[in-house]
Protein backbone atom coordinates (compact mmCIF):
# COMPACT_ATOMS: atom_id res chain seq x y z
CA UNK A 1 31.92 13.74 -12.40
CA UNK A 2 29.05 15.83 -12.37
CA UNK A 3 30.87 18.79 -10.28
CA UNK A 4 33.46 18.68 -12.74
CA UNK A 5 31.13 18.97 -15.84
CA UNK A 6 29.34 21.69 -14.16
CA UNK A 7 32.30 23.80 -12.93
CA UNK A 8 33.83 23.60 -16.35
CA UNK A 9 31.22 26.27 -17.62
CA UNK A 10 29.17 27.62 -14.50
CA UNK A 11 30.66 29.39 -11.36
CA UNK A 12 29.46 27.18 -8.33
CA UNK A 13 29.19 28.29 -4.92
CA UNK A 14 28.06 27.36 -1.58
CA UNK A 15 25.16 29.04 0.78
CA UNK A 16 25.43 27.10 3.64
CA UNK A 17 24.37 27.07 7.43
CA UNK A 18 27.72 25.61 8.71
CA UNK A 19 30.57 27.52 8.99
CA UNK A 20 33.17 28.42 5.78
CA UNK A 21 35.91 26.71 7.39
CA UNK A 22 33.72 23.65 7.92
CA UNK A 23 32.59 23.41 4.92
CA UNK A 24 35.92 24.06 2.96
CA UNK A 25 37.30 21.12 5.32
CA UNK A 26 34.90 18.98 4.04
CA UNK A 27 35.41 20.04 0.38
CA UNK A 28 39.18 19.59 0.91
CA UNK A 29 38.81 16.09 2.53
CA UNK A 30 36.39 14.93 -0.52
CA UNK A 31 38.73 16.29 -2.85
CA UNK A 32 35.64 18.62 -4.09
CA UNK A 33 37.23 21.83 -3.11
CA UNK A 34 38.38 22.87 -6.87
CA UNK A 35 35.12 22.91 -7.97
CA UNK A 36 33.78 25.78 -5.96
CA UNK A 37 34.50 29.02 -6.02
CA UNK A 38 33.28 30.19 -2.51
CA UNK A 39 31.53 29.10 0.21
CA UNK A 40 29.23 31.88 1.78
CA UNK A 41 28.78 30.31 5.65
CA UNK A 42 27.27 31.07 8.95
CA UNK A 43 30.23 33.69 9.73
CA UNK A 44 28.75 36.04 6.70
CA UNK A 45 25.22 35.72 7.88
CA UNK A 46 22.64 33.26 9.49
CA UNK A 47 20.46 34.25 6.79
CA UNK A 48 20.30 32.51 3.64
CA UNK A 49 18.13 35.05 1.81
CA UNK A 50 20.80 37.79 2.87
CA UNK A 51 23.52 35.34 1.55
CA UNK A 52 21.79 34.65 -1.61
CA UNK A 53 21.45 38.66 -2.68
CA UNK A 54 25.20 38.74 -1.45
CA UNK A 55 26.13 36.25 -4.09
CA UNK A 56 23.67 37.75 -6.73
CA UNK A 57 25.77 41.11 -6.02
CA UNK A 58 29.18 39.54 -5.88
CA UNK A 59 28.74 38.09 -8.98
CA UNK A 60 27.04 40.56 -10.63
CA UNK A 61 24.33 37.63 -12.22
CA UNK A 62 20.39 37.97 -11.99
CA UNK A 63 18.44 35.50 -10.02
CA UNK A 64 16.92 34.02 -13.36
CA UNK A 65 20.51 33.08 -14.24
CA UNK A 66 21.31 31.32 -11.02
CA UNK A 67 19.83 27.56 -10.18
CA UNK A 68 19.93 27.03 -6.51
CA UNK A 69 20.53 23.11 -5.81
CA UNK A 70 19.30 21.28 -2.02
CA UNK A 71 17.51 18.83 -0.44
CA UNK A 72 15.60 20.98 1.99
CA UNK A 73 12.07 22.30 2.00
CA UNK A 74 13.17 25.32 3.61
CA UNK A 75 15.91 26.41 1.40
CA UNK A 76 13.66 26.32 -1.51
CA UNK A 77 11.31 28.76 0.01
CA UNK A 78 14.54 31.12 0.90
CA UNK A 79 15.54 30.87 -2.49
CA UNK A 80 11.81 31.57 -4.04
CA UNK A 81 11.79 34.92 -1.82
CA UNK A 82 14.84 36.01 -3.91
CA UNK A 83 13.26 34.92 -6.97
CA UNK A 84 16.00 31.95 -7.32
CA UNK A 85 14.77 28.78 -9.10
CA UNK A 86 15.67 25.69 -7.08
CA UNK A 87 16.07 22.21 -8.30
CA UNK A 88 15.42 19.81 -5.41
CA UNK A 89 18.12 16.26 -4.94
CA UNK A 90 16.18 13.57 -3.34
CA UNK A 91 19.17 11.21 -2.91
CA UNK A 92 20.05 13.38 0.10
CA UNK A 93 18.38 13.37 3.49
CA UNK A 94 14.90 13.73 2.01
CA UNK A 95 13.38 11.44 -0.57
CA UNK A 96 10.61 13.12 -3.49
CA UNK A 97 7.62 12.33 -0.90
CA UNK A 98 9.10 14.85 1.29
CA UNK A 99 8.82 17.70 -0.99
CA UNK A 100 5.15 17.16 -2.19
CA UNK A 101 4.57 20.53 -0.66
CA UNK A 102 6.68 22.42 -2.70
CA UNK A 103 6.82 20.79 -5.80
CA UNK A 104 5.35 23.15 -8.00
CA UNK A 105 7.94 25.61 -6.60
CA UNK A 106 10.68 23.88 -8.02
CA UNK A 107 12.51 23.40 -11.43
CA UNK A 108 12.15 19.52 -10.89
CA UNK A 109 14.14 16.87 -8.81
CA UNK A 110 17.24 15.04 -9.41
CA UNK A 111 17.15 11.78 -7.98
CA UNK A 112 20.65 11.01 -8.83
CA UNK A 113 23.67 13.28 -9.39
CA UNK A 114 23.85 12.68 -12.94
CA UNK A 115 20.05 14.32 -13.41
CA UNK A 116 21.38 17.64 -12.65
CA UNK A 117 22.71 18.03 -15.87
CA UNK A 118 19.11 17.72 -17.39
CA UNK A 119 18.50 21.20 -15.71
CA UNK A 120 21.84 23.13 -16.40
CA UNK A 121 22.11 25.11 -19.62
CA UNK A 122 25.57 24.75 -20.82
């Protein structure tokens, strides 16, 4: 439901270390593929920073108009190098304590999917 709401007024893309094919397969299996415009996977680059720059260029958007939603500290730091603000989800692999070192570097924390909507301007 959150992805449906987000995708109605926003362009959603994925920047992943996995391959685009495996990510698209997963999205299809979970019936989530319709919500995402594109997957920037491993075959585009192993470097997420390079993919962030490519996304900004491809969609002709400014970094401050993008929000990166993630569940890893490394992703937050990479997005920061491109001036892209991050929102951390704590319902993935790590809880909020894991992100203590970067808590001042992020827009905030989403403890459940619905919390994401509080950070997105529509």
